[in-house]
Amino acid sequence: MSVARAAAGALAVLAAAMAATAARADTLGEVRQRGYLRCGITESGPGFSFVNAAGKRAGFEIDHCNTIAAALFGTLKVQYVLTTPQTAFTLLQSRGIDVFPAGATWSFSRDAALGLDFAGVYFIDGQGFLVRNRSGVQRVADLAGATICVAQGTTLEQNLADYFHRRRLKYRPITYGDADKALEAYQADRCDAVTMQRAALAARAAGMPDRAQHRILGEIISREPQGPLVRQNDSRWRDIVFWALNVRVAAEELGVSQRNVAQMRKSSPNREVQRMLGVYGNYGRALGLSNDWAFNVIRLVGNYDDVWRRNLSPIGLERGPNRLVSQGGAMLALPFR
């Protein structure tokens, strides 16, 4: 066989492999053909993912699924697939779900080694503190000299020690076998504060009978940037998931909410609002969506603040680093231009 023929044969094999990979990577085509989104969720508790009094799935995590479905279909066509943080990656890799928006920390090893891609950051978690309203504590520095309940032998304990040492603040740790026991000790008034990841703290504290007498501080002492996961090598699907969640932050920045989106679509003179809501330009075509996809997201689910207030404010979770950049937080939307 000549070198030219061998090269041509190799190129043909490569082209066939690339075509097969591209066909397998077309999640948008699969979802459209199926007619609904398969969205991986966890049972993470009140505020995040739970079954409400009406028997329906609700929560911050559920609204991420609904957001993507609204962008795709203009309706909430979602099949919620129950998984766990331990099995979600495998389920996504094996195409059992289309997206896992429940919240995984964006780390190097996860990004580089799992065959998965993160589609932005929608939630910044971190270690926080629950305190009693009567204590007058407003910030972490006010806990100088306090007793703090914490799970023993965990990064929570180490983060606590490091944070107070760097700031030369004294405190007395009271350690317990796990986070739930630490919370129980706090409820029994054995310490001035309890510390764990803020999201977990909010979900656990939601069941406290005197929840209104306690507050979660807005500050955090560690950062856990979390975002939705999709399969690698499917750039169009990754873009859809990213922009569907990004548009909620953009809408809040631009003053567009679930309450006023219909009126803003009719009368806003702001060209960026017009582009976002499909009045001007073709900002859906590039994603393979209708031009009113962002309008449908805000109409059916709301902007970032709408979603937060509906799900996380009732369990006492303050936005903290999840505030807009203009308000001192880290949430920043990419522009519609």
C-alpha atoms as a PDB file:
ATOM      1  CA  MET A   1       0.000   0.000   0.000  1.00  0.00           C
ATOM      2  CA  SER A   2       1.337   3.452  -0.913  1.00  0.00           C
ATOM      3  CA  VAL A   3       2.023   6.088   1.715  1.00  0.00           C
ATOM      4  CA  ALA A   4      -0.675   8.272   0.157  1.00  0.00           C
ATOM      5  CA  ARG A   5      -3.273   5.512   0.320  1.00  0.00           C
ATOM      6  CA  ALA A   6      -2.287   4.656   3.913  1.00  0.00           C
ATOM      7  CA  ALA A   7      -2.578   8.306   4.905  1.00  0.00           C
ATOM      8  CA  ALA A   8      -5.940   8.570   3.203  1.00  0.00           C
ATOM      9  CA  GLY A   9      -7.140   5.476   5.011  1.00  0.00           C
ATOM     10  CA  ALA A  10      -5.975   6.807   8.371  1.00  0.00           C
ATOM     11  CA  LEU A  11      -7.724  10.114   7.714  1.00  0.00           C
ATOM     12  CA  ALA A  12     -10.929   8.281   6.821  1.00  0.00           C
ATOM     13  CA  VAL A  13     -10.809   6.321  10.076  1.00  0.00           C
ATOM     14  CA  LEU A  14     -10.134   9.517  12.018  1.00  0.00           C
ATOM     15  CA  ALA A  15     -12.981  11.323  10.268  1.00  0.00           C
ATOM     16  CA  ALA A  16     -15.360   8.456  11.029  1.00  0.00           C
ATOM     17  CA  ALA A  17     -14.298   8.461  14.687  1.00  0.00           C
ATOM     18  CA  MET A  18     -14.774  12.221  14.896  1.00  0.00           C
ATOM     19  CA  ALA A  19     -18.198  11.957  13.283  1.00  0.00           C
ATOM     20  CA  ALA A  20     -19.220   9.243  15.741  1.00  0.00           C
ATOM     21  CA  THR A  21     -17.977  11.347  18.654  1.00  0.00           C
ATOM     22  CA  ALA A  22     -19.857  14.394  17.356  1.00  0.00           C
ATOM     23  CA  ALA A  23     -23.040  12.368  16.999  1.00  0.00           C
ATOM     24  CA  ARG A  24     -22.712  11.066  20.533  1.00  0.00           C
ATOM     25  CA  ALA A  25     -21.967  14.592  21.780  1.00  0.00           C
ATOM     26  CA  ASP A  26     -25.202  16.091  20.490  1.00  0.00           C
ATOM     27  CA  THR A  27     -27.046  16.272  23.805  1.00  0.00           C
ATOM     28  CA  LEU A  28     -29.333  18.997  22.491  1.00  0.00           C
ATOM     29  CA  GLY A  29     -30.501  16.699  19.679  1.00  0.00           C
ATOM     30  CA  GLU A  30     -31.073  13.842  22.130  1.00  0.00           C
ATOM     31  CA  VAL A  31     -33.073  16.028  24.499  1.00  0.00           C
ATOM     32  CA  ARG A  32     -35.218  17.467  21.718  1.00  0.00           C
ATOM     33  CA  GLN A  33     -35.935  14.037  20.282  1.00  0.00           C
ATOM     34  CA  ARG A  34     -36.853  12.750  23.739  1.00  0.00           C
ATOM     35  CA  GLY A  35     -39.028  15.796  24.449  1.00  0.00           C
ATOM     36  CA  TYR A  36     -37.867  16.517  27.987  1.00  0.00           C
ATOM     37  CA  LEU A  37     -34.747  17.198  30.059  1.00  0.00           C
ATOM     38  CA  ARG A  38     -33.273  14.485  32.294  1.00  0.00           C
ATOM     39  CA  CYS A  39     -31.843  16.403  35.213  1.00  0.00           C
ATOM     40  CA  GLY A  40     -29.819  14.856  38.040  1.00  0.00           C
ATOM     41  CA  ILE A  41     -30.874  15.972  41.516  1.00  0.00           C
ATOM     42  CA  THR A  42     -30.040  15.078  45.119  1.00  0.00           C
ATOM     43  CA  GLU A  43     -32.108  14.917  48.289  1.00  0.00           C
ATOM     44  CA  SER A  44     -30.272  17.827  49.872  1.00  0.00           C
ATOM     45  CA  GLY A  45     -33.084  19.151  52.067  1.00  0.00           C
ATOM     46  CA  PRO A  46     -35.280  22.250  52.488  1.00  0.00           C
ATOM     47  CA  GLY A  47     -34.362  25.175  50.312  1.00  0.00           C
ATOM     48  CA  PHE A  48     -32.263  23.116  47.907  1.00  0.00           C
ATOM     49  CA  SER A  49     -34.093  19.951  46.851  1.00  0.00           C
ATOM     50  CA  PHE A  50     -37.116  18.543  48.633  1.00  0.00           C
ATOM     51  CA  VAL A  51     -40.753  17.546  48.190  1.00  0.00           C
ATOM     52  CA  ASN A  52     -42.998  20.385  49.354  1.00  0.00           C
ATOM     53  CA  ALA A  53     -46.387  20.252  51.071  1.00  0.00           C
ATOM     54  CA  ALA A  54     -48.094  20.047  47.689  1.00  0.00           C
ATOM     55  CA  GLY A  55     -46.114  16.902  46.848  1.00  0.00           C
ATOM     56  CA  LYS A  56     -43.960  18.657  44.223  1.00  0.00           C
ATOM     57  CA  ARG A  57     -40.224  18.939  43.855  1.00  0.00           C
ATOM     58  CA  ALA A  58     -38.971  22.372  44.881  1.00  0.00           C
ATOM     59  CA  GLY A  59     -35.786  24.178  45.810  1.00  0.00           C
ATOM     60  CA  PHE A  60     -32.765  26.057  44.492  1.00  0.00           C
ATOM     61  CA  GLU A  61     -31.411  22.928  42.843  1.00  0.00           C
ATOM     62  CA  ILE A  62     -34.759  22.094  41.238  1.00  0.00           C
ATOM     63  CA  ASP A  63     -34.996  25.606  39.802  1.00  0.00           C
ATOM     64  CA  HIS A  64     -31.688  25.043  37.999  1.00  0.00           C
ATOM     65  CA  CYS A  65     -33.311  22.102  36.209  1.00  0.00           C
ATOM     66  CA  ASN A  66     -36.382  24.208  35.473  1.00  0.00           C
ATOM     67  CA  THR A  67     -34.216  27.043  34.142  1.00  0.00           C
ATOM     68  CA  ILE A  68     -32.554  24.832  31.546  1.00  0.00           C
ATOM     69  CA  ALA A  69     -35.889  23.276  30.533  1.00  0.00           C
ATOM     70  CA  ALA A  70     -37.470  26.728  30.162  1.00  0.00           C
ATOM     71  CA  ALA A  71     -34.664  27.775  27.811  1.00  0.00           C
ATOM     72  CA  LEU A  72     -35.061  24.601  25.746  1.00  0.00           C
ATOM     73  CA  PHE A  73     -38.816  24.216  25.525  1.00  0.00           C
ATOM     74  CA  GLY A  74     -40.504  27.352  26.866  1.00  0.00           C
ATOM     75  CA  THR A  75     -42.181  25.015  29.390  1.00  0.00           C
ATOM     76  CA  LEU A  76     -40.926  23.006  32.362  1.00  0.00           C
ATOM     77  CA  LYS A  77     -40.508  19.603  30.716  1.00  0.00           C
ATOM     78  CA  VAL A  78     -38.195  17.922  33.226  1.00  0.00           C
ATOM     79  CA  GLN A  79     -37.636  14.409  34.477  1.00  0.00           C
ATOM     80  CA  TYR A  80     -35.866  14.636  37.838  1.00  0.00           C
ATOM     81  CA  VAL A  81     -33.430  11.751  38.255  1.00  0.00           C
ATOM     82  CA  LEU A  82     -32.488  11.136  41.867  1.00  0.00           C
ATOM     83  CA  THR A  83     -28.774  10.614  42.421  1.00  0.00           C
ATOM     84  CA  THR A  84     -26.126  11.323  45.042  1.00  0.00           C
ATOM     85  CA  PRO A  85     -22.914  13.374  44.966  1.00  0.00           C
ATOM     86  CA  GLN A  86     -21.050  10.053  44.859  1.00  0.00           C
ATOM     87  CA  THR A  87     -22.922   8.584  41.857  1.00  0.00           C
ATOM     88  CA  ALA A  88     -23.849  11.707  39.876  1.00  0.00           C
ATOM     89  CA  PHE A  89     -20.584  11.894  37.912  1.00  0.00           C
ATOM     90  CA  THR A  90     -20.866   8.290  36.706  1.00  0.00           C
ATOM     91  CA  LEU A  91     -24.528   8.746  35.802  1.00  0.00           C
ATOM     92  CA  LEU A  92     -23.673  11.804  33.735  1.00  0.00           C
ATOM     93  CA  GLN A  93     -20.747  10.085  32.024  1.00  0.00           C
ATOM     94  CA  SER A  94     -22.966   7.116  31.102  1.00  0.00           C
ATOM     95  CA  ARG A  95     -25.650   9.440  29.644  1.00  0.00           C
ATOM     96  CA  GLY A  96     -28.179   8.540  32.317  1.00  0.00           C
ATOM     97  CA  ILE A  97     -28.753  12.271  32.807  1.00  0.00           C
ATOM     98  CA  ASP A  98     -28.190  15.305  30.583  1.00  0.00           C
ATOM     99  CA  VAL A  99     -26.863  17.649  33.264  1.00  0.00           C
ATOM    100  CA  PHE A 100     -26.021  17.623  36.955  1.00  0.00           C
ATOM    101  CA  PRO A 101     -26.768  21.121  38.260  1.00  0.00           C
ATOM    102  CA  ALA A 102     -27.022  20.149  41.923  1.00  0.00           C
ATOM    103  CA  GLY A 103     -23.720  21.682  42.872  1.00  0.00           C
ATOM    104  CA  ALA A 104     -20.212  20.289  42.772  1.00  0.00           C
ATOM    105  CA  THR A 105     -17.180  22.315  43.770  1.00  0.00           C
ATOM    106  CA  TRP A 106     -15.198  23.340  40.697  1.00  0.00           C
ATOM    107  CA  SER A 107     -11.747  21.916  41.352  1.00  0.00           C
ATOM    108  CA  PHE A 108      -8.788  21.094  39.118  1.00  0.00           C
ATOM    109  CA  SER A 109      -9.088  17.327  39.492  1.00  0.00           C
ATOM    110  CA  ARG A 110     -12.799  17.293  38.690  1.00  0.00           C
ATOM    111  CA  ASP A 111     -12.377  19.578  35.705  1.00  0.00           C
ATOM    112  CA  ALA A 112      -9.372  17.794  34.245  1.00  0.00           C
ATOM    113  CA  ALA A 113      -9.878  14.113  35.042  1.00  0.00           C
ATOM    114  CA  LEU A 114     -13.577  13.204  34.951  1.00  0.00           C
ATOM    115  CA  GLY A 115     -14.420  13.706  31.279  1.00  0.00           C
ATOM    116  CA  LEU A 116     -16.869  16.395  32.366  1.00  0.00           C
ATOM    117  CA  ASP A 117     -17.049  20.173  32.001  1.00  0.00           C
ATOM    118  CA  PHE A 118     -18.284  22.818  34.418  1.00  0.00           C
ATOM    119  CA  ALA A 119     -20.707  25.321  32.946  1.00  0.00           C
ATOM    120  CA  GLY A 120     -19.986  28.340  35.126  1.00  0.00           C
ATOM    121  CA  VAL A 121     -20.404  29.087  38.828  1.00  0.00           C
ATOM    122  CA  TYR A 122     -23.907  29.700  40.162  1.00  0.00           C
ATOM    123  CA  PHE A 123     -23.349  29.295  43.907  1.00  0.00           C
ATOM    124  CA  ILE A 124     -20.424  30.091  46.155  1.00  0.00           C
ATOM    125  CA  ASP A 125     -20.609  28.035  49.302  1.00  0.00           C
ATOM    126  CA  GLY A 126     -18.181  28.032  52.165  1.00  0.00           C
ATOM    127  CA  GLN A 127     -17.848  27.419  55.858  1.00  0.00           C
ATOM    128  CA  GLY A 128     -20.172  29.608  57.900  1.00  0.00           C
ATOM    129  CA  PHE A 129     -21.613  30.050  61.381  1.00  0.00           C
ATOM    130  CA  LEU A 130     -25.027  29.810  63.017  1.00  0.00           C
ATOM    131  CA  VAL A 131     -25.536  32.128  65.996  1.00  0.00           C
ATOM    132  CA  ARG A 132     -28.391  33.225  68.236  1.00  0.00           C
ATOM    133  CA  ASN A 133     -30.034  36.552  67.467  1.00  0.00           C
ATOM    134  CA  ARG A 134     -29.786  37.556  71.123  1.00  0.00           C
ATOM    135  CA  SER A 135     -25.994  37.215  71.025  1.00  0.00           C
ATOM    136  CA  GLY A 136     -25.622  40.386  68.993  1.00  0.00           C
ATOM    137  CA  VAL A 137     -22.988  38.698  66.792  1.00  0.00           C
ATOM    138  CA  GLN A 138     -23.006  40.261  63.313  1.00  0.00           C
ATOM    139  CA  ARG A 139     -19.688  39.078  61.864  1.00  0.00           C
ATOM    140  CA  VAL A 140     -17.143  36.347  62.478  1.00  0.00           C
ATOM    141  CA  ALA A 141     -14.803  38.726  64.334  1.00  0.00           C
ATOM    142  CA  ASP A 142     -17.536  39.160  66.954  1.00  0.00           C
ATOM    143  CA  LEU A 143     -16.985  35.491  67.911  1.00  0.00           C
ATOM    144  CA  ALA A 144     -13.646  36.324  69.564  1.00  0.00           C
ATOM    145  CA  GLY A 145     -13.611  34.489  72.897  1.00  0.00           C
ATOM    146  CA  ALA A 146     -16.664  32.383  71.995  1.00  0.00           C
ATOM    147  CA  THR A 147     -17.195  28.644  72.283  1.00  0.00           C
ATOM    148  CA  ILE A 148     -17.800  27.086  68.854  1.00  0.00           C
ATOM    149  CA  CYS A 149     -19.211  23.613  68.153  1.00  0.00           C
ATOM    150  CA  VAL A 150     -17.548  21.816  65.224  1.00  0.00           C
ATOM    151  CA  ALA A 151     -17.222  18.301  63.791  1.00  0.00           C
ATOM    152  CA  GLN A 152     -13.975  16.701  64.953  1.00  0.00           C
ATOM    153  CA  GLY A 153     -11.231  15.644  62.535  1.00  0.00           C
ATOM    154  CA  THR A 154     -12.725  17.487  59.573  1.00  0.00           C
ATOM    155  CA  THR A 155     -11.606  20.328  57.319  1.00  0.00           C
ATOM    156  CA  LEU A 156     -14.225  22.351  59.189  1.00  0.00           C
ATOM    157  CA  GLU A 157     -12.145  22.051  62.352  1.00  0.00           C
ATOM    158  CA  GLN A 158      -8.914  22.890  60.499  1.00  0.00           C
ATOM    159  CA  ASN A 159     -10.420  25.877  58.659  1.00  0.00           C
ATOM    160  CA  LEU A 160     -11.747  27.206  61.959  1.00  0.00           C
ATOM    161  CA  ALA A 161      -8.338  26.934  63.635  1.00  0.00           C
ATOM    162  CA  ASP A 162      -6.517  28.503  60.682  1.00  0.00           C
ATOM    163  CA  TYR A 163      -8.940  31.402  60.350  1.00  0.00           C
ATOM    164  CA  PHE A 164      -8.848  32.402  64.012  1.00  0.00           C
ATOM    165  CA  HIS A 165      -5.064  31.907  64.243  1.00  0.00           C
ATOM    166  CA  ARG A 166      -4.379  34.178  61.242  1.00  0.00           C
ATOM    167  CA  ARG A 167      -6.453  36.918  62.828  1.00  0.00           C
ATOM    168  CA  ARG A 168      -5.086  36.358  66.323  1.00  0.00           C
ATOM    169  CA  LEU A 169      -8.560  35.760  67.680  1.00  0.00           C
ATOM    170  CA  LYS A 170      -9.113  33.473  70.652  1.00  0.00           C
ATOM    171  CA  TYR A 171     -11.937  30.940  70.769  1.00  0.00           C
ATOM    172  CA  ARG A 172     -12.717  27.601  72.396  1.00  0.00           C
ATOM    173  CA  PRO A 173     -13.632  24.728  70.056  1.00  0.00           C
ATOM    174  CA  ILE A 174     -16.008  22.028  71.321  1.00  0.00           C
ATOM    175  CA  THR A 175     -15.698  19.026  69.025  1.00  0.00           C
ATOM    176  CA  TYR A 176     -18.230  16.309  68.177  1.00  0.00           C
ATOM    177  CA  GLY A 177     -18.251  13.154  66.079  1.00  0.00           C
ATOM    178  CA  ASP A 178     -20.136  14.716  63.142  1.00  0.00           C
ATOM    179  CA  ALA A 179     -21.878  17.896  62.026  1.00  0.00           C
ATOM    180  CA  ASP A 180     -25.327  16.770  63.189  1.00  0.00           C
ATOM    181  CA  LYS A 181     -24.058  16.156  66.737  1.00  0.00           C
ATOM    182  CA  ALA A 182     -22.391  19.565  66.701  1.00  0.00           C
ATOM    183  CA  LEU A 183     -25.694  21.174  65.747  1.00  0.00           C
ATOM    184  CA  GLU A 184     -27.522  19.250  68.484  1.00  0.00           C
ATOM    185  CA  ALA A 185     -24.983  20.524  71.025  1.00  0.00           C
ATOM    186  CA  TYR A 186     -25.495  24.082  69.833  1.00  0.00           C
ATOM    187  CA  GLN A 187     -29.269  23.670  70.199  1.00  0.00           C
ATOM    188  CA  ALA A 188     -28.666  22.419  73.740  1.00  0.00           C
ATOM    189  CA  ASP A 189     -26.854  25.716  74.459  1.00  0.00           C
ATOM    190  CA  ARG A 190     -23.447  24.074  74.931  1.00  0.00           C
ATOM    191  CA  CYS A 191     -21.722  26.602  72.661  1.00  0.00           C
ATOM    192  CA  ASP A 192     -22.144  30.139  71.333  1.00  0.00           C
ATOM    193  CA  ALA A 193     -22.025  29.160  67.654  1.00  0.00           C
ATOM    194  CA  VAL A 194     -21.828  26.126  65.377  1.00  0.00           C
ATOM    195  CA  THR A 195     -19.864  25.986  62.131  1.00  0.00           C
ATOM    196  CA  MET A 196     -20.214  23.936  58.912  1.00  0.00           C
ATOM    197  CA  GLN A 197     -20.795  24.585  55.209  1.00  0.00           C
ATOM    198  CA  ARG A 198     -23.422  27.334  54.937  1.00  0.00           C
ATOM    199  CA  ALA A 199     -25.697  25.398  52.575  1.00  0.00           C
ATOM    200  CA  ALA A 200     -25.686  22.341  54.842  1.00  0.00           C
ATOM    201  CA  LEU A 201     -26.132  24.592  57.846  1.00  0.00           C
ATOM    202  CA  ALA A 202     -29.184  26.268  56.339  1.00  0.00           C
ATOM    203  CA  ALA A 203     -30.794  22.972  55.329  1.00  0.00           C
ATOM    204  CA  ARG A 204     -30.196  21.376  58.745  1.00  0.00           C
ATOM    205  CA  ALA A 205     -31.218  24.444  60.727  1.00  0.00           C
ATOM    206  CA  ALA A 206     -34.500  24.735  58.799  1.00  0.00           C
ATOM    207  CA  GLY A 207     -35.960  21.994  61.014  1.00  0.00           C
ATOM    208  CA  MET A 208     -35.131  23.698  64.300  1.00  0.00           C
ATOM    209  CA  PRO A 209     -38.324  24.503  66.265  1.00  0.00           C
ATOM    210  CA  ASP A 210     -36.981  27.962  67.195  1.00  0.00           C
ATOM    211  CA  ARG A 211     -35.326  28.678  63.827  1.00  0.00           C
ATOM    212  CA  ALA A 212     -36.420  32.340  63.830  1.00  0.00           C
ATOM    213  CA  GLN A 213     -34.269  32.964  66.909  1.00  0.00           C
ATOM    214  CA  HIS A 214     -31.049  32.133  65.025  1.00  0.00           C
ATOM    215  CA  ARG A 215     -29.212  33.531  62.031  1.00  0.00           C
ATOM    216  CA  ILE A 216     -26.506  32.379  59.655  1.00  0.00           C
ATOM    217  CA  LEU A 217     -23.742  34.942  59.322  1.00  0.00           C
ATOM    218  CA  GLY A 218     -23.190  36.333  55.835  1.00  0.00           C
ATOM    219  CA  GLU A 219     -19.414  35.837  56.018  1.00  0.00           C
ATOM    220  CA  ILE A 220     -17.656  32.604  55.109  1.00  0.00           C
ATOM    221  CA  ILE A 221     -14.154  31.442  56.054  1.00  0.00           C
ATOM    222  CA  SER A 222     -13.568  29.157  53.045  1.00  0.00           C
ATOM    223  CA  ARG A 223     -14.728  29.249  49.436  1.00  0.00           C
ATOM    224  CA  GLU A 224     -16.397  26.439  47.482  1.00  0.00           C
ATOM    225  CA  PRO A 225     -17.355  27.669  43.970  1.00  0.00           C
ATOM    226  CA  GLN A 226     -20.057  25.332  42.666  1.00  0.00           C
ATOM    227  CA  GLY A 227     -21.519  24.893  39.230  1.00  0.00           C
ATOM    228  CA  PRO A 228     -23.420  22.556  36.913  1.00  0.00           C
ATOM    229  CA  LEU A 229     -21.674  19.686  35.155  1.00  0.00           C
ATOM    230  CA  VAL A 230     -22.076  18.439  31.578  1.00  0.00           C
ATOM    231  CA  ARG A 231     -20.156  15.956  29.466  1.00  0.00           C
ATOM    232  CA  GLN A 232     -16.978  17.107  27.731  1.00  0.00           C
ATOM    233  CA  ASN A 233     -16.739  17.699  23.967  1.00  0.00           C
ATOM    234  CA  ASP A 234     -20.271  19.032  23.608  1.00  0.00           C
ATOM    235  CA  SER A 235     -19.680  22.756  23.424  1.00  0.00           C
ATOM    236  CA  ARG A 236     -23.176  23.729  22.269  1.00  0.00           C
ATOM    237  CA  TRP A 237     -24.826  21.943  25.194  1.00  0.00           C
ATOM    238  CA  ARG A 238     -22.319  23.432  27.620  1.00  0.00           C
ATOM    239  CA  ASP A 239     -23.103  26.908  26.210  1.00  0.00           C
ATOM    240  CA  ILE A 240     -26.853  26.366  26.628  1.00  0.00           C
ATOM    241  CA  VAL A 241     -26.493  25.325  30.274  1.00  0.00           C
ATOM    242  CA  PHE A 242     -24.068  28.164  30.994  1.00  0.00           C
ATOM    243  CA  TRP A 243     -26.149  30.920  29.389  1.00  0.00           C
ATOM    244  CA  ALA A 244     -29.451  29.646  30.781  1.00  0.00           C
ATOM    245  CA  LEU A 245     -28.091  30.068  34.318  1.00  0.00           C
ATOM    246  CA  ASN A 246     -26.110  33.203  33.445  1.00  0.00           C
ATOM    247  CA  VAL A 247     -29.219  34.977  32.181  1.00  0.00           C
ATOM    248  CA  ARG A 248     -30.753  34.958  35.670  1.00  0.00           C
ATOM    249  CA  VAL A 249     -27.795  36.949  37.010  1.00  0.00           C
ATOM    250  CA  ALA A 250     -27.860  39.253  33.977  1.00  0.00           C
ATOM    251  CA  ALA A 251     -31.568  39.858  34.500  1.00  0.00           C
ATOM    252  CA  GLU A 252     -31.014  40.850  38.125  1.00  0.00           C
ATOM    253  CA  GLU A 253     -28.213  43.229  37.079  1.00  0.00           C
ATOM    254  CA  LEU A 254     -30.509  44.807  34.479  1.00  0.00           C
ATOM    255  CA  GLY A 255     -33.529  45.099  36.784  1.00  0.00           C
ATOM    256  CA  VAL A 256     -35.576  42.439  34.982  1.00  0.00           C
ATOM    257  CA  SER A 257     -37.528  40.083  37.241  1.00  0.00           C
ATOM    258  CA  GLN A 258     -40.277  37.494  37.009  1.00  0.00           C
ATOM    259  CA  ARG A 259     -42.714  40.196  38.080  1.00  0.00           C
ATOM    260  CA  ASN A 260     -41.871  42.758  35.385  1.00  0.00           C
ATOM    261  CA  VAL A 261     -40.364  40.740  32.524  1.00  0.00           C
ATOM    262  CA  ALA A 262     -43.428  40.970  30.276  1.00  0.00           C
ATOM    263  CA  GLN A 263     -43.562  44.758  30.650  1.00  0.00           C
ATOM    264  CA  MET A 264     -39.807  45.121  30.183  1.00  0.00           C
ATOM    265  CA  ARG A 265     -40.022  43.138  26.976  1.00  0.00           C
ATOM    266  CA  LYS A 266     -42.625  45.560  25.651  1.00  0.00           C
ATOM    267  CA  SER A 267     -41.197  48.877  26.765  1.00  0.00           C
ATOM    268  CA  SER A 268     -37.549  48.785  27.912  1.00  0.00           C
ATOM    269  CA  PRO A 269     -35.380  51.199  25.878  1.00  0.00           C
ATOM    270  CA  ASN A 270     -32.211  49.367  27.031  1.00  0.00           C
ATOM    271  CA  ARG A 271     -30.662  47.565  24.041  1.00  0.00           C
ATOM    272  CA  GLU A 272     -29.059  44.909  26.230  1.00  0.00           C
ATOM    273  CA  VAL A 273     -32.450  44.113  27.760  1.00  0.00           C
ATOM    274  CA  GLN A 274     -33.925  43.979  24.251  1.00  0.00           C
ATOM    275  CA  ARG A 275     -31.220  41.571  23.090  1.00  0.00           C
ATOM    276  CA  MET A 276     -31.618  39.403  26.175  1.00  0.00           C
ATOM    277  CA  LEU A 277     -35.404  39.149  25.861  1.00  0.00           C
ATOM    278  CA  GLY A 278     -35.384  38.433  22.123  1.00  0.00           C
ATOM    279  CA  VAL A 279     -36.773  41.779  20.962  1.00  0.00           C
ATOM    280  CA  TYR A 280     -33.627  42.733  19.050  1.00  0.00           C
ATOM    281  CA  GLY A 281     -31.070  40.536  17.284  1.00  0.00           C
ATOM    282  CA  ASN A 282     -30.824  36.749  17.022  1.00  0.00           C
ATOM    283  CA  TYR A 283     -29.369  35.736  20.361  1.00  0.00           C
ATOM    284  CA  GLY A 284     -31.135  32.391  20.398  1.00  0.00           C
ATOM    285  CA  ARG A 285     -30.071  31.133  16.987  1.00  0.00           C
ATOM    286  CA  ALA A 286     -26.408  30.896  18.009  1.00  0.00           C
ATOM    287  CA  LEU A 287     -27.413  28.427  20.751  1.00  0.00           C
ATOM    288  CA  GLY A 288     -29.864  26.488  18.619  1.00  0.00           C
ATOM    289  CA  LEU A 289     -32.764  27.957  20.621  1.00  0.00           C
ATOM    290  CA  SER A 290     -35.665  30.293  19.952  1.00  0.00           C
ATOM    291  CA  ASN A 291     -34.984  34.006  20.365  1.00  0.00           C
ATOM    292  CA  ASP A 292     -37.330  34.205  23.352  1.00  0.00           C
ATOM    293  CA  TRP A 293     -35.441  31.548  25.365  1.00  0.00           C
ATOM    294  CA  ALA A 294     -34.183  34.021  27.980  1.00  0.00           C
ATOM    295  CA  PHE A 295     -37.619  35.614  28.274  1.00  0.00           C
ATOM    296  CA  ASN A 296     -39.029  32.152  29.012  1.00  0.00           C
ATOM    297  CA  VAL A 297     -36.385  31.518  31.698  1.00  0.00           C
ATOM    298  CA  ILE A 298     -37.241  34.714  33.558  1.00  0.00           C
ATOM    299  CA  ARG A 299     -40.981  34.336  32.980  1.00  0.00           C
ATOM    300  CA  LEU A 300     -41.129  30.760  34.267  1.00  0.00           C
ATOM    301  CA  VAL A 301     -38.339  30.711  36.876  1.00  0.00           C
ATOM    302  CA  GLY A 302     -37.183  34.271  37.570  1.00  0.00           C
ATOM    303  CA  ASN A 303     -33.901  36.115  37.941  1.00  0.00           C
ATOM    304  CA  TYR A 304     -31.207  35.074  40.419  1.00  0.00           C
ATOM    305  CA  ASP A 305     -32.727  37.109  43.241  1.00  0.00           C
ATOM    306  CA  ASP A 306     -36.213  35.700  42.573  1.00  0.00           C
ATOM    307  CA  VAL A 307     -34.823  32.170  42.824  1.00  0.00           C
ATOM    308  CA  TRP A 308     -32.858  32.954  45.982  1.00  0.00           C
ATOM    309  CA  ARG A 309     -35.775  34.638  47.756  1.00  0.00           C
ATOM    310  CA  ARG A 310     -38.159  31.827  46.890  1.00  0.00           C
ATOM    311  CA  ASN A 311     -35.893  29.011  48.027  1.00  0.00           C
ATOM    312  CA  LEU A 312     -33.084  30.104  50.316  1.00  0.00           C
ATOM    313  CA  SER A 313     -34.323  33.212  52.132  1.00  0.00           C
ATOM    314  CA  PRO A 314     -37.043  31.157  53.914  1.00  0.00           C
ATOM    315  CA  ILE A 315     -34.372  28.911  55.460  1.00  0.00           C
ATOM    316  CA  GLY A 316     -32.362  31.921  56.637  1.00  0.00           C
ATOM    317  CA  LEU A 317     -29.488  31.755  54.144  1.00  0.00           C
ATOM    318  CA  GLU A 318     -28.146  35.222  53.382  1.00  0.00           C
ATOM    319  CA  ARG A 319     -26.598  35.773  49.960  1.00  0.00           C
ATOM    320  CA  GLY A 320     -23.147  36.789  51.215  1.00  0.00           C
ATOM    321  CA  PRO A 321     -20.658  36.172  48.342  1.00  0.00           C
ATOM    322  CA  ASN A 322     -23.596  35.305  46.084  1.00  0.00           C
ATOM    323  CA  ARG A 323     -24.612  38.965  45.932  1.00  0.00           C
ATOM    324  CA  LEU A 324     -24.002  40.824  42.693  1.00  0.00           C
ATOM    325  CA  VAL A 325     -20.551  42.327  42.229  1.00  0.00           C
ATOM    326  CA  SER A 326     -22.201  45.758  42.348  1.00  0.00           C
ATOM    327  CA  GLN A 327     -23.433  44.862  45.850  1.00  0.00           C
ATOM    328  CA  GLY A 328     -20.097  43.587  47.135  1.00  0.00           C
ATOM    329  CA  GLY A 329     -20.508  39.932  46.126  1.00  0.00           C
ATOM    330  CA  ALA A 330     -18.971  37.756  43.407  1.00  0.00           C
ATOM    331  CA  MET A 331     -21.910  37.161  41.050  1.00  0.00           C
ATOM    332  CA  LEU A 332     -21.168  38.742  37.668  1.00  0.00           C
ATOM    333  CA  ALA A 333     -23.053  38.034  34.455  1.00  0.00           C
ATOM    334  CA  LEU A 334     -21.469  37.959  31.028  1.00  0.00           C
ATOM    335  CA  PRO A 335     -23.034  40.643  28.788  1.00  0.00           C
ATOM    336  CA  PHE A 336     -25.578  40.164  26.003  1.00  0.00           C
ATOM    337  CA  ARG A 337     -23.749  41.804  23.129  1.00  0.00           C
END
